[in-house]
Amino acid sequence: ISASRACGGDTTNLRLQSAIAHARSVQLPKDRIEEAIRKHEQTKDQGGADLLNLRYDAMMSFGGTKVACLITALSENRNRTASNVRAAIHKSGGEMLATAAHDYLFSHVGMVLFEKVSEVDDDRLFECAMEAGATDVDIEDDTAVITCEPEDLWPMVQALKDSQLEPTEFDHRYVLADPQLSVPLSEEGKERLEIFMEKMDEDEDVSRVFHNAITATTDP
């Protein structure tokens, strides 16, 4: 978990809490999560190189369909991370593009998710979120999704927690600017996308991979 490196394994850090929540949501084994945290606890308060927030835009081809991918990473070594990500992209039949090439496709937002929202007072959740700077609050069935400007995410999560409202998951995300910009994949395409996502997951520097493909198992 790259977020663990940024805070030295400090589990009170909101960024690490966010990463842990996401890891659990995609059913990452508990022992792997704990191993990542332990690995970086020893670096806490020891200083070291500054960690850089990095982004890579790529155009992939999965089963003959062009898929836009946006990869975020956290690293102290820009050259190493760029080299590894570029190699994975090329081996998967893709092409690295200039940073920000996909700005027309994706919007950068802060996102907070509540599940089992029936246990939470809707009005109280809505009021607290709006006061903390939410740009949208979507409550539907048993789920609530709050979006905000990227810089407002951590203050919003803290405000919700201070109001005894505990989010299920929260993170910075790149979401499609228009759902019509998504593309369907064949079964072969889905398999190749899954393989690529697994390769990215193996890279400790990589934080998240966003894409515009429609699949039954992976959200863009």
C-alpha atoms as a PDB file:
ATOM      1  CA  ILE A   1       0.000   0.000   0.000  1.00  0.00           C
ATOM      2  CA  SER A   2       1.728   3.144  -1.212  1.00  0.00           C
ATOM      3  CA  ALA A   3      -0.178   5.265   1.321  1.00  0.00           C
ATOM      4  CA  SER A   4       1.520   3.353   4.142  1.00  0.00           C
ATOM      5  CA  ARG A   5       4.877   4.617   2.895  1.00  0.00           C
ATOM      6  CA  ALA A   6       3.686   8.210   3.006  1.00  0.00           C
ATOM      7  CA  CYS A   7       2.805   8.075   6.706  1.00  0.00           C
ATOM      8  CA  GLY A   8       5.192   5.437   8.008  1.00  0.00           C
ATOM      9  CA  GLY A   9       2.403   2.966   8.720  1.00  0.00           C
ATOM     10  CA  ASP A  10       0.517   5.360  11.012  1.00  0.00           C
ATOM     11  CA  THR A  11      -3.014   3.899  11.039  1.00  0.00           C
ATOM     12  CA  THR A  12      -4.496   7.136  12.413  1.00  0.00           C
ATOM     13  CA  ASN A  13      -3.562   8.856   9.135  1.00  0.00           C
ATOM     14  CA  LEU A  14      -6.644   9.511   6.981  1.00  0.00           C
ATOM     15  CA  ARG A  15      -4.819   8.712   3.753  1.00  0.00           C
ATOM     16  CA  LEU A  16      -3.806   5.290   5.068  1.00  0.00           C
ATOM     17  CA  GLN A  17      -7.307   4.689   6.431  1.00  0.00           C
ATOM     18  CA  SER A  18      -8.610   5.434   2.946  1.00  0.00           C
ATOM     19  CA  ALA A  19      -6.179   2.963   1.352  1.00  0.00           C
ATOM     20  CA  ILE A  20      -7.078   0.251   3.862  1.00  0.00           C
ATOM     21  CA  ALA A  21     -10.799   0.762   3.215  1.00  0.00           C
ATOM     22  CA  HIS A  22     -10.228   0.467  -0.536  1.00  0.00           C
ATOM     23  CA  ALA A  23      -8.062  -2.641  -0.101  1.00  0.00           C
ATOM     24  CA  ARG A  24     -10.823  -4.292   1.915  1.00  0.00           C
ATOM     25  CA  SER A  25     -13.458  -3.298  -0.646  1.00  0.00           C
ATOM     26  CA  VAL A  26     -11.560  -5.198  -3.370  1.00  0.00           C
ATOM     27  CA  GLN A  27     -11.042  -8.139  -0.978  1.00  0.00           C
ATOM     28  CA  LEU A  28      -7.274  -7.787  -0.625  1.00  0.00           C
ATOM     29  CA  PRO A  29      -6.181 -10.420   1.928  1.00  0.00           C
ATOM     30  CA  LYS A  30      -5.898  -9.136   5.486  1.00  0.00           C
ATOM     31  CA  ASP A  31      -2.351 -10.477   5.892  1.00  0.00           C
ATOM     32  CA  ARG A  32      -1.200  -8.518   2.834  1.00  0.00           C
ATOM     33  CA  ILE A  33      -2.672  -5.288   4.197  1.00  0.00           C
ATOM     34  CA  GLU A  34      -1.034  -5.849   7.583  1.00  0.00           C
ATOM     35  CA  GLU A  35       2.293  -6.724   5.947  1.00  0.00           C
ATOM     36  CA  ALA A  36       2.271  -3.467   3.971  1.00  0.00           C
ATOM     37  CA  ILE A  37       1.612  -1.461   7.132  1.00  0.00           C
ATOM     38  CA  ARG A  38       4.292  -3.262   9.161  1.00  0.00           C
ATOM     39  CA  LYS A  39       6.812  -2.850   6.358  1.00  0.00           C
ATOM     40  CA  HIS A  40       6.637   0.927   6.590  1.00  0.00           C
ATOM     41  CA  GLU A  41       6.084   1.407  10.337  1.00  0.00           C
ATOM     42  CA  GLN A  42       9.835   1.287  10.859  1.00  0.00           C
ATOM     43  CA  THR A  43      10.337   4.299   8.569  1.00  0.00           C
ATOM     44  CA  LYS A  44       8.117   6.551  10.666  1.00  0.00           C
ATOM     45  CA  ASP A  45       9.932   9.636  11.942  1.00  0.00           C
ATOM     46  CA  GLN A  46      13.165   8.534  10.240  1.00  0.00           C
ATOM     47  CA  GLY A  47      12.947  11.089   7.462  1.00  0.00           C
ATOM     48  CA  GLY A  48      14.115  10.143   3.988  1.00  0.00           C
ATOM     49  CA  ALA A  49      13.403  11.245   0.455  1.00  0.00           C
ATOM     50  CA  ASP A  50      10.226  13.209  -0.225  1.00  0.00           C
ATOM     51  CA  LEU A  51       7.420  11.156  -1.754  1.00  0.00           C
ATOM     52  CA  LEU A  52       6.052  12.416  -5.045  1.00  0.00           C
ATOM     53  CA  ASN A  53       2.469  12.166  -6.278  1.00  0.00           C
ATOM     54  CA  LEU A  54       2.770  10.934  -9.864  1.00  0.00           C
ATOM     55  CA  ARG A  55       0.318  10.412 -12.690  1.00  0.00           C
ATOM     56  CA  TYR A  56       0.601   8.510 -15.963  1.00  0.00           C
ATOM     57  CA  ASP A  57      -1.850   8.585 -18.875  1.00  0.00           C
ATOM     58  CA  ALA A  58      -1.946   5.639 -21.256  1.00  0.00           C
ATOM     59  CA  MET A  59      -3.962   4.304 -24.167  1.00  0.00           C
ATOM     60  CA  MET A  60      -4.371   0.552 -23.976  1.00  0.00           C
ATOM     61  CA  SER A  61      -5.798  -1.998 -26.398  1.00  0.00           C
ATOM     62  CA  PHE A  62      -7.750  -4.840 -24.808  1.00  0.00           C
ATOM     63  CA  GLY A  63      -9.331  -7.315 -27.192  1.00  0.00           C
ATOM     64  CA  GLY A  64      -9.168  -4.784 -30.009  1.00  0.00           C
ATOM     65  CA  THR A  65     -10.854  -2.018 -27.995  1.00  0.00           C
ATOM     66  CA  LYS A  66      -9.030   1.200 -27.125  1.00  0.00           C
ATOM     67  CA  VAL A  67      -9.201   1.899 -23.390  1.00  0.00           C
ATOM     68  CA  ALA A  68      -8.016   5.103 -21.711  1.00  0.00           C
ATOM     69  CA  CYS A  69      -6.122   4.423 -18.472  1.00  0.00           C
ATOM     70  CA  LEU A  70      -4.983   6.896 -15.843  1.00  0.00           C
ATOM     71  CA  ILE A  71      -2.501   5.583 -13.284  1.00  0.00           C
ATOM     72  CA  THR A  72      -1.615   7.333 -10.027  1.00  0.00           C
ATOM     73  CA  ALA A  73       1.475   6.528  -7.972  1.00  0.00           C
ATOM     74  CA  LEU A  74       3.381   7.602  -4.873  1.00  0.00           C
ATOM     75  CA  SER A  75       7.156   7.318  -5.072  1.00  0.00           C
ATOM     76  CA  GLU A  76      10.443   8.788  -3.901  1.00  0.00           C
ATOM     77  CA  ASN A  77      12.037   7.869  -7.226  1.00  0.00           C
ATOM     78  CA  ARG A  78      10.317   9.384 -10.255  1.00  0.00           C
ATOM     79  CA  ASN A  79      12.591   7.650 -12.790  1.00  0.00           C
ATOM     80  CA  ARG A  80      12.151   4.171 -11.322  1.00  0.00           C
ATOM     81  CA  THR A  81       8.385   4.433 -11.166  1.00  0.00           C
ATOM     82  CA  ALA A  82       8.062   5.879 -14.667  1.00  0.00           C
ATOM     83  CA  SER A  83      10.280   3.112 -16.061  1.00  0.00           C
ATOM     84  CA  ASN A  84       8.296   0.344 -14.346  1.00  0.00           C
ATOM     85  CA  VAL A  85       4.909   1.741 -15.327  1.00  0.00           C
ATOM     86  CA  ARG A  86       6.021   2.355 -18.920  1.00  0.00           C
ATOM     87  CA  ALA A  87       7.332  -1.219 -19.196  1.00  0.00           C
ATOM     88  CA  ALA A  88       4.065  -2.674 -17.880  1.00  0.00           C
ATOM     89  CA  ILE A  89       2.065  -0.540 -20.306  1.00  0.00           C
ATOM     90  CA  HIS A  90       4.182  -1.555 -23.313  1.00  0.00           C
ATOM     91  CA  LYS A  91       4.153  -5.256 -22.372  1.00  0.00           C
ATOM     92  CA  SER A  92       0.361  -5.063 -22.241  1.00  0.00           C
ATOM     93  CA  GLY A  93       0.197  -3.583 -25.731  1.00  0.00           C
ATOM     94  CA  GLY A  94      -0.388   0.010 -24.687  1.00  0.00           C
ATOM     95  CA  GLU A  95       1.197   3.396 -25.232  1.00  0.00           C
ATOM     96  CA  MET A  96       2.274   5.954 -22.657  1.00  0.00           C
ATOM     97  CA  LEU A  97       0.835   9.393 -23.389  1.00  0.00           C
ATOM     98  CA  ALA A  98       1.703  12.863 -22.183  1.00  0.00           C
ATOM     99  CA  THR A  99       0.533  13.640 -18.656  1.00  0.00           C
ATOM    100  CA  ALA A 100      -2.932  15.241 -18.700  1.00  0.00           C
ATOM    101  CA  ALA A 101      -3.735  13.700 -22.100  1.00  0.00           C
ATOM    102  CA  HIS A 102      -6.927  12.277 -20.583  1.00  0.00           C
ATOM    103  CA  ASP A 103      -8.075  15.458 -18.847  1.00  0.00           C
ATOM    104  CA  TYR A 104     -10.985  15.687 -21.280  1.00  0.00           C
ATOM    105  CA  LEU A 105     -12.156  12.217 -20.177  1.00  0.00           C
ATOM    106  CA  PHE A 106     -11.756  12.316 -16.408  1.00  0.00           C
ATOM    107  CA  SER A 107     -12.609  14.744 -13.629  1.00  0.00           C
ATOM    108  CA  HIS A 108     -10.476  14.745 -10.471  1.00  0.00           C
ATOM    109  CA  VAL A 109     -12.690  14.650  -7.367  1.00  0.00           C
ATOM    110  CA  GLY A 110     -12.767  13.691  -3.729  1.00  0.00           C
ATOM    111  CA  MET A 111     -15.274  10.908  -3.059  1.00  0.00           C
ATOM    112  CA  VAL A 112     -16.774   9.614   0.193  1.00  0.00           C
ATOM    113  CA  LEU A 113     -18.890   6.449   0.301  1.00  0.00           C
ATOM    114  CA  PHE A 114     -21.367   5.378   2.959  1.00  0.00           C
ATOM    115  CA  GLU A 115     -22.919   1.911   2.870  1.00  0.00           C
ATOM    116  CA  LYS A 116     -25.885   0.818   4.991  1.00  0.00           C
ATOM    117  CA  VAL A 117     -26.916   4.457   4.915  1.00  0.00           C
ATOM    118  CA  SER A 118     -30.341   3.485   6.326  1.00  0.00           C
ATOM    119  CA  GLU A 119     -28.583   3.422   9.710  1.00  0.00           C
ATOM    120  CA  VAL A 120     -27.631   7.092   9.278  1.00  0.00           C
ATOM    121  CA  ASP A 121     -29.883  10.150   9.449  1.00  0.00           C
ATOM    122  CA  ASP A 122     -30.081  11.299   5.809  1.00  0.00           C
ATOM    123  CA  ASP A 123     -30.738  14.935   6.668  1.00  0.00           C
ATOM    124  CA  ARG A 124     -27.863  15.032   9.132  1.00  0.00           C
ATOM    125  CA  LEU A 125     -25.499  13.423   6.637  1.00  0.00           C
ATOM    126  CA  PHE A 126     -26.565  15.823   3.873  1.00  0.00           C
ATOM    127  CA  GLU A 127     -26.243  18.902   6.100  1.00  0.00           C
ATOM    128  CA  CYS A 128     -22.824  17.922   7.458  1.00  0.00           C
ATOM    129  CA  ALA A 129     -21.489  17.100   3.973  1.00  0.00           C
ATOM    130  CA  MET A 130     -22.689  20.372   2.459  1.00  0.00           C
ATOM    131  CA  GLU A 131     -21.275  22.414   5.340  1.00  0.00           C
ATOM    132  CA  ALA A 132     -17.921  20.668   4.814  1.00  0.00           C
ATOM    133  CA  GLY A 133     -17.829  21.626   1.123  1.00  0.00           C
ATOM    134  CA  ALA A 134     -19.559  18.835  -0.780  1.00  0.00           C
ATOM    135  CA  THR A 135     -20.383  19.566  -4.411  1.00  0.00           C
ATOM    136  CA  ASP A 136     -22.912  16.711  -4.593  1.00  0.00           C
ATOM    137  CA  VAL A 137     -24.601  14.275  -2.224  1.00  0.00           C
ATOM    138  CA  ASP A 138     -26.307  11.298  -3.865  1.00  0.00           C
ATOM    139  CA  ILE A 139     -28.344   9.105  -1.521  1.00  0.00           C
ATOM    140  CA  GLU A 140     -29.929   6.113  -3.224  1.00  0.00           C
ATOM    141  CA  ASP A 141     -31.217   2.829  -1.801  1.00  0.00           C
ATOM    142  CA  ASP A 142     -28.741   1.904   0.931  1.00  0.00           C
ATOM    143  CA  THR A 143     -25.749   3.895  -0.331  1.00  0.00           C
ATOM    144  CA  ALA A 144     -24.655   7.511  -0.144  1.00  0.00           C
ATOM    145  CA  VAL A 145     -21.949   8.988  -2.368  1.00  0.00           C
ATOM    146  CA  ILE A 146     -20.523  12.404  -1.551  1.00  0.00           C
ATOM    147  CA  THR A 147     -18.268  14.237  -4.007  1.00  0.00           C
ATOM    148  CA  CYS A 148     -16.170  17.326  -3.401  1.00  0.00           C
ATOM    149  CA  GLU A 149     -13.197  19.224  -4.751  1.00  0.00           C
ATOM    150  CA  PRO A 150      -9.955  17.213  -4.311  1.00  0.00           C
ATOM    151  CA  GLU A 151      -8.488  19.644  -1.774  1.00  0.00           C
ATOM    152  CA  ASP A 152     -11.622  19.422   0.398  1.00  0.00           C
ATOM    153  CA  LEU A 153     -11.569  15.617   0.853  1.00  0.00           C
ATOM    154  CA  TRP A 154      -9.531  15.243   4.051  1.00  0.00           C
ATOM    155  CA  PRO A 155     -11.207  18.172   5.881  1.00  0.00           C
ATOM    156  CA  MET A 156     -14.605  16.755   4.865  1.00  0.00           C
ATOM    157  CA  VAL A 157     -13.811  13.252   6.120  1.00  0.00           C
ATOM    158  CA  GLN A 158     -12.564  14.692   9.404  1.00  0.00           C
ATOM    159  CA  ALA A 159     -15.732  16.797   9.755  1.00  0.00           C
ATOM    160  CA  LEU A 160     -17.905  13.730   9.146  1.00  0.00           C
ATOM    161  CA  LYS A 161     -15.938  11.691  11.677  1.00  0.00           C
ATOM    162  CA  ASP A 162     -16.189  14.514  14.211  1.00  0.00           C
ATOM    163  CA  SER A 163     -19.983  14.321  13.737  1.00  0.00           C
ATOM    164  CA  GLN A 164     -19.912  10.566  14.439  1.00  0.00           C
ATOM    165  CA  LEU A 165     -20.526   9.755  10.777  1.00  0.00           C
ATOM    166  CA  GLU A 166     -18.091   6.996   9.784  1.00  0.00           C
ATOM    167  CA  PRO A 167     -17.539   6.612   6.008  1.00  0.00           C
ATOM    168  CA  THR A 168     -17.133   3.169   4.474  1.00  0.00           C
ATOM    169  CA  GLU A 169     -14.537   4.412   2.004  1.00  0.00           C
ATOM    170  CA  PHE A 170     -13.011   7.724   0.908  1.00  0.00           C
ATOM    171  CA  ASP A 171     -10.380   8.633  -1.636  1.00  0.00           C
ATOM    172  CA  HIS A 172      -9.286  10.924  -4.441  1.00  0.00           C
ATOM    173  CA  ARG A 173     -10.610   9.561  -7.719  1.00  0.00           C
ATOM    174  CA  TYR A 174     -10.724  10.276 -11.408  1.00  0.00           C
ATOM    175  CA  VAL A 175     -14.285   9.781 -12.640  1.00  0.00           C
ATOM    176  CA  LEU A 176     -15.569   9.923 -16.194  1.00  0.00           C
ATOM    177  CA  ALA A 177     -16.682  13.415 -17.146  1.00  0.00           C
ATOM    178  CA  ASP A 178     -19.484  11.839 -19.189  1.00  0.00           C
ATOM    179  CA  PRO A 179     -20.750   8.224 -18.845  1.00  0.00           C
ATOM    180  CA  GLN A 180     -21.117   8.108 -22.642  1.00  0.00           C
ATOM    181  CA  LEU A 181     -17.319   8.191 -22.870  1.00  0.00           C
ATOM    182  CA  SER A 182     -17.124   4.639 -21.462  1.00  0.00           C
ATOM    183  CA  VAL A 183     -16.435   1.692 -23.770  1.00  0.00           C
ATOM    184  CA  PRO A 184     -17.642  -1.951 -23.572  1.00  0.00           C
ATOM    185  CA  LEU A 185     -15.187  -4.832 -23.636  1.00  0.00           C
ATOM    186  CA  SER A 186     -15.381  -8.330 -25.070  1.00  0.00           C
ATOM    187  CA  GLU A 187     -14.646 -11.296 -22.795  1.00  0.00           C
ATOM    188  CA  GLU A 188     -11.096 -11.358 -24.144  1.00  0.00           C
ATOM    189  CA  GLY A 189     -10.779  -7.650 -23.470  1.00  0.00           C
ATOM    190  CA  LYS A 190     -11.984  -8.079 -19.893  1.00  0.00           C
ATOM    191  CA  GLU A 191      -9.417 -10.804 -19.291  1.00  0.00           C
ATOM    192  CA  ARG A 192      -6.573  -8.676 -20.666  1.00  0.00           C
ATOM    193  CA  LEU A 193      -7.682  -5.688 -18.595  1.00  0.00           C
ATOM    194  CA  GLU A 194      -7.738  -7.848 -15.468  1.00  0.00           C
ATOM    195  CA  ILE A 195      -4.196  -9.077 -16.181  1.00  0.00           C
ATOM    196  CA  PHE A 196      -3.020  -5.478 -16.627  1.00  0.00           C
ATOM    197  CA  MET A 197      -4.697  -4.410 -13.376  1.00  0.00           C
ATOM    198  CA  GLU A 198      -2.961  -7.277 -11.564  1.00  0.00           C
ATOM    199  CA  LYS A 199       0.408  -6.149 -12.952  1.00  0.00           C
ATOM    200  CA  MET A 200      -0.222  -2.636 -11.698  1.00  0.00           C
ATOM    201  CA  ASP A 201      -1.288  -3.976  -8.305  1.00  0.00           C
ATOM    202  CA  GLU A 202       2.070  -5.749  -7.977  1.00  0.00           C
ATOM    203  CA  ASP A 203       3.920  -2.418  -8.241  1.00  0.00           C
ATOM    204  CA  GLU A 204       4.271  -0.968  -4.728  1.00  0.00           C
ATOM    205  CA  ASP A 205       4.520   2.557  -6.125  1.00  0.00           C
ATOM    206  CA  VAL A 206       1.167   2.417  -7.918  1.00  0.00           C
ATOM    207  CA  SER A 207      -1.801   3.723  -5.952  1.00  0.00           C
ATOM    208  CA  ARG A 208      -4.790   3.385  -8.276  1.00  0.00           C
ATOM    209  CA  VAL A 209      -5.688   2.682 -11.903  1.00  0.00           C
ATOM    210  CA  PHE A 210      -8.702   4.416 -13.453  1.00  0.00           C
ATOM    211  CA  HIS A 211     -10.118   3.569 -16.888  1.00  0.00           C
ATOM    212  CA  ASN A 212     -13.154   4.077 -19.101  1.00  0.00           C
ATOM    213  CA  ALA A 213     -13.935   0.409 -19.771  1.00  0.00           C
ATOM    214  CA  ILE A 214     -17.272  -1.158 -18.877  1.00  0.00           C
ATOM    215  CA  THR A 215     -16.849  -4.612 -17.353  1.00  0.00           C
ATOM    216  CA  ALA A 216     -18.866  -6.812 -15.074  1.00  0.00           C
ATOM    217  CA  THR A 217     -16.081  -6.986 -12.487  1.00  0.00           C
ATOM    218  CA  THR A 218     -14.244  -3.651 -12.587  1.00  0.00           C
ATOM    219  CA  ASP A 219     -15.575  -0.117 -12.198  1.00  0.00           C
ATOM    220  CA  PRO A 220     -13.875   2.640 -14.154  1.00  0.00           C
END
